[in-house]
Amino acid sequence: MTIDETALDGLRSTLAADDYALAVTESGAGVEVRITAGADACAECLVPKPIMRSMLGPALGVPEEAIALLYPSDTGP
């Protein structure tokens, strides 16, 4: 797996503009990506998961199906 840190930093910056943070953890042949919301996060600003995976795949160097993506709504309040 080859993570493109420049592309990942670009995604982090984009998310940060709407008060979101992005954390990446390698997990076997795939990765877990957790997006967390800050107090001022725009709930409508996150794109649907399939679109986010299509942006994350090239940056992470893994196929989209190898990305376990967790949104704030997945973890409860």
PDB file of N, CA and C in Angstrom:
ATOM      1  N   MET A   1       0.850  -1.166   0.000  1.00  0.00           N
ATOM      2  CA  MET A   1       0.000   0.000   0.000  1.00  0.00           C
ATOM      3  C   MET A   1       0.898   1.233   0.000  1.00  0.00           C
ATOM      4  N   THR A   2       0.607   2.153  -0.911  1.00  0.00           N
ATOM      5  CA  THR A   2       1.364   3.391  -1.004  1.00  0.00           C
ATOM      6  C   THR A   2       0.429   4.567  -0.793  1.00  0.00           C
ATOM      7  N   ILE A   3       0.535   5.190   0.356  1.00  0.00           N
ATOM      8  CA  ILE A   3      -0.326   6.321   0.667  1.00  0.00           C
ATOM      9  C   ILE A   3       0.269   7.592   0.080  1.00  0.00           C
ATOM     10  N   ASP A   4      -0.530   8.303  -0.681  1.00  0.00           N
ATOM     11  CA  ASP A   4      -0.138   9.588  -1.260  1.00  0.00           C
ATOM     12  C   ASP A   4      -0.475  10.669  -0.226  1.00  0.00           C
ATOM     13  N   GLU A   5       0.524  11.015   0.587  1.00  0.00           N
ATOM     14  CA  GLU A   5       0.292  11.956   1.690  1.00  0.00           C
ATOM     15  C   GLU A   5      -0.159  13.329   1.195  1.00  0.00           C
ATOM     16  N   THR A   6       0.308  13.747   0.028  1.00  0.00           N
ATOM     17  CA  THR A   6      -0.107  15.041  -0.510  1.00  0.00           C
ATOM     18  C   THR A   6      -1.599  15.038  -0.812  1.00  0.00           C
ATOM     19  N   ALA A   7      -2.069  13.977  -1.470  1.00  0.00           N
ATOM     20  CA  ALA A   7      -3.498  13.869  -1.780  1.00  0.00           C
ATOM     21  C   ALA A   7      -4.315  13.747  -0.493  1.00  0.00           C
ATOM     22  N   LEU A   8      -3.810  12.979   0.455  1.00  0.00           N
ATOM     23  CA  LEU A   8      -4.515  12.805   1.723  1.00  0.00           C
ATOM     24  C   LEU A   8      -4.580  14.124   2.490  1.00  0.00           C
ATOM     25  N   ASP A   9      -3.498  14.897   2.456  1.00  0.00           N
ATOM     26  CA  ASP A   9      -3.511  16.212   3.114  1.00  0.00           C
ATOM     27  C   ASP A   9      -4.528  17.136   2.455  1.00  0.00           C
ATOM     28  N   GLY A  10      -4.677  17.040   1.133  1.00  0.00           N
ATOM     29  CA  GLY A  10      -5.681  17.836   0.437  1.00  0.00           C
ATOM     30  C   GLY A  10      -7.089  17.487   0.896  1.00  0.00           C
ATOM     31  N   LEU A  11      -7.358  16.189   1.053  1.00  0.00           N
ATOM     32  CA  LEU A  11      -8.668  15.756   1.547  1.00  0.00           C
ATOM     33  C   LEU A  11      -8.884  16.224   2.987  1.00  0.00           C
ATOM     34  N   ARG A  12      -7.826  16.122   3.792  1.00  0.00           N
ATOM     35  CA  ARG A  12      -7.941  16.583   5.188  1.00  0.00           C
ATOM     36  C   ARG A  12      -8.273  18.078   5.239  1.00  0.00           C
ATOM     37  N   SER A  13      -7.612  18.859   4.394  1.00  0.00           N
ATOM     38  CA  SER A  13      -7.854  20.306   4.368  1.00  0.00           C
ATOM     39  C   SER A  13      -9.285  20.622   3.953  1.00  0.00           C
ATOM     40  N   THR A  14      -9.758  19.901   2.945  1.00  0.00           N
ATOM     41  CA  THR A  14     -11.131  20.105   2.476  1.00  0.00           C
ATOM     42  C   THR A  14     -12.130  19.781   3.582  1.00  0.00           C
ATOM     43  N   LEU A  15     -11.913  18.678   4.265  1.00  0.00           N
ATOM     44  CA  LEU A  15     -12.811  18.288   5.351  1.00  0.00           C
ATOM     45  C   LEU A  15     -12.715  19.263   6.522  1.00  0.00           C
ATOM     46  N   ALA A  16     -11.511  19.725   6.819  1.00  0.00           N
ATOM     47  CA  ALA A  16     -11.306  20.650   7.943  1.00  0.00           C
ATOM     48  C   ALA A  16     -12.068  21.956   7.734  1.00  0.00           C
ATOM     49  N   ALA A  17     -12.244  22.360   6.484  1.00  0.00           N
ATOM     50  CA  ALA A  17     -12.988  23.592   6.202  1.00  0.00           C
ATOM     51  C   ALA A  17     -14.427  23.503   6.707  1.00  0.00           C
ATOM     52  N   ASP A  18     -14.953  22.282   6.816  1.00  0.00           N
ATOM     53  CA  ASP A  18     -16.307  22.067   7.331  1.00  0.00           C
ATOM     54  C   ASP A  18     -16.276  21.468   8.741  1.00  0.00           C
ATOM     55  N   ASP A  19     -15.125  21.579   9.421  1.00  0.00           N
ATOM     56  CA  ASP A  19     -14.925  21.115  10.800  1.00  0.00           C
ATOM     57  C   ASP A  19     -14.994  19.594  10.947  1.00  0.00           C
ATOM     58  N   TYR A  20     -14.394  18.893   9.991  1.00  0.00           N
ATOM     59  CA  TYR A  20     -14.246  17.442  10.073  1.00  0.00           C
ATOM     60  C   TYR A  20     -12.768  17.091  10.143  1.00  0.00           C
ATOM     61  N   ALA A  21     -12.474  15.945  10.743  1.00  0.00           N
ATOM     62  CA  ALA A  21     -11.104  15.432  10.799  1.00  0.00           C
ATOM     63  C   ALA A  21     -11.099  14.039  10.185  1.00  0.00           C
ATOM     64  N   LEU A  22      -9.968  13.656   9.607  1.00  0.00           N
ATOM     65  CA  LEU A  22      -9.836  12.367   8.933  1.00  0.00           C
ATOM     66  C   LEU A  22      -8.653  11.627   9.543  1.00  0.00           C
ATOM     67  N   ALA A  23      -8.888  10.394   9.991  1.00  0.00           N
ATOM     68  CA  ALA A  23      -7.832   9.547  10.536  1.00  0.00           C
ATOM     69  C   ALA A  23      -7.780   8.268   9.719  1.00  0.00           C
ATOM     70  N   VAL A  24      -6.560   7.820   9.400  1.00  0.00           N
ATOM     71  CA  VAL A  24      -6.358   6.617   8.595  1.00  0.00           C
ATOM     72  C   VAL A  24      -5.540   5.620   9.394  1.00  0.00           C
ATOM     73  N   THR A  25      -6.022   4.360   9.433  1.00  0.00           N
ATOM     74  CA  THR A  25      -5.317   3.276  10.104  1.00  0.00           C
ATOM     75  C   THR A  25      -5.199   2.105   9.145  1.00  0.00           C
ATOM     76  N   GLU A  26      -3.967   1.639   8.935  1.00  0.00           N
ATOM     77  CA  GLU A  26      -3.783   0.454   8.081  1.00  0.00           C
ATOM     78  C   GLU A  26      -4.321  -0.769   8.806  1.00  0.00           C
ATOM     79  N   SER A  27      -4.986  -1.644   8.039  1.00  0.00           N
ATOM     80  CA  SER A  27      -5.624  -2.822   8.610  1.00  0.00           C
ATOM     81  C   SER A  27      -5.466  -3.982   7.652  1.00  0.00           C
ATOM     82  N   GLY A  28      -4.411  -4.770   7.815  1.00  0.00           N
ATOM     83  CA  GLY A  28      -4.168  -5.883   6.897  1.00  0.00           C
ATOM     84  C   GLY A  28      -3.938  -5.370   5.490  1.00  0.00           C
ATOM     85  N   ALA A  29      -4.745  -5.838   4.542  1.00  0.00           N
ATOM     86  CA  ALA A  29      -4.609  -5.413   3.151  1.00  0.00           C
ATOM     87  C   ALA A  29      -5.412  -4.158   2.850  1.00  0.00           C
ATOM     88  N   GLY A  30      -6.132  -3.662   3.846  1.00  0.00           N
ATOM     89  CA  GLY A  30      -6.973  -2.489   3.631  1.00  0.00           C
ATOM     90  C   GLY A  30      -6.667  -1.392   4.626  1.00  0.00           C
ATOM     91  N   VAL A  31      -7.570  -0.446   4.681  1.00  0.00           N
ATOM     92  CA  VAL A  31      -7.424   0.658   5.614  1.00  0.00           C
ATOM     93  C   VAL A  31      -8.770   0.990   6.241  1.00  0.00           C
ATOM     94  N   GLU A  32      -8.704   1.530   7.450  1.00  0.00           N
ATOM     95  CA  GLU A  32      -9.895   2.072   8.084  1.00  0.00           C
ATOM     96  C   GLU A  32      -9.751   3.585   8.060  1.00  0.00           C
ATOM     97  N   VAL A  33     -10.770   4.246   7.570  1.00  0.00           N
ATOM     98  CA  VAL A  33     -10.797   5.700   7.529  1.00  0.00           C
ATOM     99  C   VAL A  33     -11.954   6.151   8.404  1.00  0.00           C
ATOM    100  N   ARG A  34     -11.616   6.971   9.391  1.00  0.00           N
ATOM    101  CA  ARG A  34     -12.637   7.478  10.310  1.00  0.00           C
ATOM    102  C   ARG A  34     -12.705   8.992  10.141  1.00  0.00           C
ATOM    103  N   ILE A  35     -13.897   9.467   9.857  1.00  0.00           N
ATOM    104  CA  ILE A  35     -14.133  10.900   9.753  1.00  0.00           C
ATOM    105  C   ILE A  35     -14.945  11.308  10.975  1.00  0.00           C
ATOM    106  N   THR A  36     -14.400  12.262  11.716  1.00  0.00           N
ATOM    107  CA  THR A  36     -15.073  12.738  12.924  1.00  0.00           C
ATOM    108  C   THR A  36     -15.487  14.196  12.735  1.00  0.00           C
ATOM    109  N   ALA A  37     -16.534  14.566  13.433  1.00  0.00           N
ATOM    110  CA  ALA A  37     -17.097  15.910  13.304  1.00  0.00           C
ATOM    111  C   ALA A  37     -16.745  16.753  14.515  1.00  0.00           C
ATOM    112  N   GLY A  38     -16.397  18.008  14.247  1.00  0.00           N
ATOM    113  CA  GLY A  38     -16.198  18.977  15.305  1.00  0.00           C
ATOM    114  C   GLY A  38     -17.532  19.624  15.663  1.00  0.00           C
ATOM    115  N   ALA A  39     -17.492  20.520  16.616  1.00  0.00           N
ATOM    116  CA  ALA A  39     -18.713  21.175  17.095  1.00  0.00           C
ATOM    117  C   ALA A  39     -19.419  21.983  16.013  1.00  0.00           C
ATOM    118  N   ASP A  40     -18.673  22.506  15.047  1.00  0.00           N
ATOM    119  CA  ASP A  40     -19.265  23.343  14.004  1.00  0.00           C
ATOM    120  C   ASP A  40     -19.379  22.631  12.658  1.00  0.00           C
ATOM    121  N   ALA A  41     -19.343  21.296  12.675  1.00  0.00           N
ATOM    122  CA  ALA A  41     -19.395  20.529  11.426  1.00  0.00           C
ATOM    123  C   ALA A  41     -20.723  20.724  10.704  1.00  0.00           C
ATOM    124  N   CYS A  42     -20.629  20.773   9.403  1.00  0.00           N
ATOM    125  CA  CYS A  42     -21.790  20.917   8.532  1.00  0.00           C
ATOM    126  C   CYS A  42     -22.286  19.510   8.182  1.00  0.00           C
ATOM    127  N   ALA A  43     -23.392  19.105   8.765  1.00  0.00           N
ATOM    128  CA  ALA A  43     -23.896  17.736   8.591  1.00  0.00           C
ATOM    129  C   ALA A  43     -24.181  17.393   7.133  1.00  0.00           C
ATOM    130  N   GLU A  44     -24.592  18.381   6.340  1.00  0.00           N
ATOM    131  CA  GLU A  44     -24.925  18.132   4.937  1.00  0.00           C
ATOM    132  C   GLU A  44     -23.709  18.194   4.018  1.00  0.00           C
ATOM    133  N   CYS A  45     -22.543  18.502   4.569  1.00  0.00           N
ATOM    134  CA  CYS A  45     -21.366  18.731   3.722  1.00  0.00           C
ATOM    135  C   CYS A  45     -20.609  17.455   3.343  1.00  0.00           C
ATOM    136  N   LEU A  46     -20.825  16.368   4.050  1.00  0.00           N
ATOM    137  CA  LEU A  46     -20.141  15.123   3.694  1.00  0.00           C
ATOM    138  C   LEU A  46     -20.809  14.495   2.473  1.00  0.00           C
ATOM    139  N   VAL A  47     -19.987  14.106   1.516  1.00  0.00           N
ATOM    140  CA  VAL A  47     -20.514  13.434   0.329  1.00  0.00           C
ATOM    141  C   VAL A  47     -20.903  12.008   0.707  1.00  0.00           C
ATOM    142  N   PRO A  48     -21.743  11.353  -0.087  1.00  0.00           N
ATOM    143  CA  PRO A  48     -22.083   9.951   0.187  1.00  0.00           C
ATOM    144  C   PRO A  48     -20.817   9.082   0.217  1.00  0.00           C
ATOM    145  N   LYS A  49     -20.871   8.016   0.980  1.00  0.00           N
ATOM    146  CA  LYS A  49     -19.708   7.140   1.151  1.00  0.00           C
ATOM    147  C   LYS A  49     -19.098   6.649  -0.164  1.00  0.00           C
ATOM    148  N   PRO A  50     -19.889   6.234  -1.158  1.00  0.00           N
ATOM    149  CA  PRO A  50     -19.262   5.771  -2.406  1.00  0.00           C
ATOM    150  C   PRO A  50     -18.393   6.850  -3.060  1.00  0.00           C
ATOM    151  N   ILE A  51     -18.834   8.093  -2.982  1.00  0.00           N
ATOM    152  CA  ILE A  51     -18.050   9.181  -3.568  1.00  0.00           C
ATOM    153  C   ILE A  51     -16.782   9.408  -2.748  1.00  0.00           C
ATOM    154  N   MET A  52     -16.910   9.382  -1.426  1.00  0.00           N
ATOM    155  CA  MET A  52     -15.729   9.566  -0.566  1.00  0.00           C
ATOM    156  C   MET A  52     -14.723   8.444  -0.809  1.00  0.00           C
ATOM    157  N   ARG A  53     -15.207   7.202  -0.941  1.00  0.00           N
ATOM    158  CA  ARG A  53     -14.289   6.088  -1.215  1.00  0.00           C
ATOM    159  C   ARG A  53     -13.575   6.287  -2.552  1.00  0.00           C
ATOM    160  N   SER A  54     -14.284   6.825  -3.544  1.00  0.00           N
ATOM    161  CA  SER A  54     -13.654   7.038  -4.855  1.00  0.00           C
ATOM    162  C   SER A  54     -12.562   8.101  -4.778  1.00  0.00           C
ATOM    163  N   MET A  55     -12.668   9.022  -3.844  1.00  0.00           N
ATOM    164  CA  MET A  55     -11.623  10.025  -3.647  1.00  0.00           C
ATOM    165  C   MET A  55     -10.482   9.473  -2.788  1.00  0.00           C
ATOM    166  N   LEU A  56     -10.819   8.628  -1.828  1.00  0.00           N
ATOM    167  CA  LEU A  56      -9.812   8.080  -0.921  1.00  0.00           C
ATOM    168  C   LEU A  56      -8.954   6.990  -1.569  1.00  0.00           C
ATOM    169  N   GLY A  57      -9.544   6.173  -2.439  1.00  0.00           N
ATOM    170  CA  GLY A  57      -8.818   5.047  -3.039  1.00  0.00           C
ATOM    171  C   GLY A  57      -7.488   5.433  -3.647  1.00  0.00           C
ATOM    172  N   PRO A  58      -7.454   6.405  -4.561  1.00  0.00           N
ATOM    173  CA  PRO A  58      -6.167   6.786  -5.158  1.00  0.00           C
ATOM    174  C   PRO A  58      -5.172   7.360  -4.143  1.00  0.00           C
ATOM    175  N   ALA A  59      -5.670   8.108  -3.180  1.00  0.00           N
ATOM    176  CA  ALA A  59      -4.786   8.705  -2.175  1.00  0.00           C
ATOM    177  C   ALA A  59      -4.180   7.642  -1.264  1.00  0.00           C
ATOM    178  N   LEU A  60      -4.942   6.588  -0.998  1.00  0.00           N
ATOM    179  CA  LEU A  60      -4.484   5.540  -0.099  1.00  0.00           C
ATOM    180  C   LEU A  60      -3.772   4.399  -0.825  1.00  0.00           C
ATOM    181  N   GLY A  61      -3.916   4.343  -2.135  1.00  0.00           N
ATOM    182  CA  GLY A  61      -3.268   3.278  -2.897  1.00  0.00           C
ATOM    183  C   GLY A  61      -3.910   1.920  -2.702  1.00  0.00           C
ATOM    184  N   VAL A  62      -5.210   1.908  -2.433  1.00  0.00           N
ATOM    185  CA  VAL A  62      -5.945   0.650  -2.262  1.00  0.00           C
ATOM    186  C   VAL A  62      -7.240   0.732  -3.052  1.00  0.00           C
ATOM    187  N   PRO A  63      -7.804  -0.422  -3.421  1.00  0.00           N
ATOM    188  CA  PRO A  63      -9.106  -0.400  -4.091  1.00  0.00           C
ATOM    189  C   PRO A  63     -10.175   0.127  -3.133  1.00  0.00           C
ATOM    190  N   GLU A  64     -11.196   0.732  -3.700  1.00  0.00           N
ATOM    191  CA  GLU A  64     -12.273   1.300  -2.888  1.00  0.00           C
ATOM    192  C   GLU A  64     -12.874   0.283  -1.922  1.00  0.00           C
ATOM    193  N   GLU A  65     -13.006  -0.972  -2.378  1.00  0.00           N
ATOM    194  CA  GLU A  65     -13.623  -1.987  -1.519  1.00  0.00           C
ATOM    195  C   GLU A  65     -12.738  -2.372  -0.332  1.00  0.00           C
ATOM    196  N   ALA A  66     -11.474  -1.937  -0.321  1.00  0.00           N
ATOM    197  CA  ALA A  66     -10.571  -2.224   0.797  1.00  0.00           C
ATOM    198  C   ALA A  66     -10.600  -1.119   1.853  1.00  0.00           C
ATOM    199  N   ILE A  67     -11.498  -0.146   1.668  1.00  0.00           N
ATOM    200  CA  ILE A  67     -11.594   0.980   2.600  1.00  0.00           C
ATOM    201  C   ILE A  67     -12.811   0.804   3.505  1.00  0.00           C
ATOM    202  N   ALA A  68     -12.558   0.633   4.788  1.00  0.00           N
ATOM    203  CA  ALA A  68     -13.629   0.622   5.785  1.00  0.00           C
ATOM    204  C   ALA A  68     -13.813   2.079   6.197  1.00  0.00           C
ATOM    205  N   LEU A  69     -14.932   2.657   5.808  1.00  0.00           N
ATOM    206  CA  LEU A  69     -15.173   4.083   6.008  1.00  0.00           C
ATOM    207  C   LEU A  69     -16.211   4.303   7.091  1.00  0.00           C
ATOM    208  N   LEU A  70     -15.830   5.060   8.107  1.00  0.00           N
ATOM    209  CA  LEU A  70     -16.740   5.359   9.209  1.00  0.00           C
ATOM    210  C   LEU A  70     -17.016   6.851   9.242  1.00  0.00           C
ATOM    211  N   TYR A  71     -18.293   7.204   9.177  1.00  0.00           N
ATOM    212  CA  TYR A  71     -18.744   8.586   9.255  1.00  0.00           C
ATOM    213  C   TYR A  71     -19.210   8.868  10.682  1.00  0.00           C
ATOM    214  N   PRO A  72     -19.308  10.135  11.062  1.00  0.00           N
ATOM    215  CA  PRO A  72     -19.788  10.449  12.415  1.00  0.00           C
ATOM    216  C   PRO A  72     -21.125   9.794  12.749  1.00  0.00           C
ATOM    217  N   SER A  73     -22.011   9.692  11.782  1.00  0.00           N
ATOM    218  CA  SER A  73     -23.318   9.074  12.030  1.00  0.00           C
ATOM    219  C   SER A  73     -23.223   7.576  12.303  1.00  0.00           C
ATOM    220  N   ASP A  74     -22.100   6.960  11.967  1.00  0.00           N
ATOM    221  CA  ASP A  74     -21.916   5.526  12.205  1.00  0.00           C
ATOM    222  C   ASP A  74     -21.568   5.222  13.659  1.00  0.00           C
ATOM    223  N   THR A  75     -21.086   6.214  14.377  1.00  0.00           N
ATOM    224  CA  THR A  75     -20.610   5.972  15.729  1.00  0.00           C
ATOM    225  C   THR A  75     -21.545   6.500  16.805  1.00  0.00           C
ATOM    226  N   GLY A  76     -22.659   7.067  16.398  1.00  0.00           N
ATOM    227  CA  GLY A  76     -23.624   7.570  17.365  1.00  0.00           C
ATOM    228  C   GLY A  76     -23.263   8.959  17.840  1.00  0.00           C
ATOM    229  N   PRO A  77     -24.032   9.466  18.770  1.00  0.00           N
ATOM    230  CA  PRO A  77     -23.822  10.844  19.246  1.00  0.00           C
ATOM    231  C   PRO A  77     -22.518  11.046  19.972  1.00  0.00           C
TER     232      PRO A  77
END
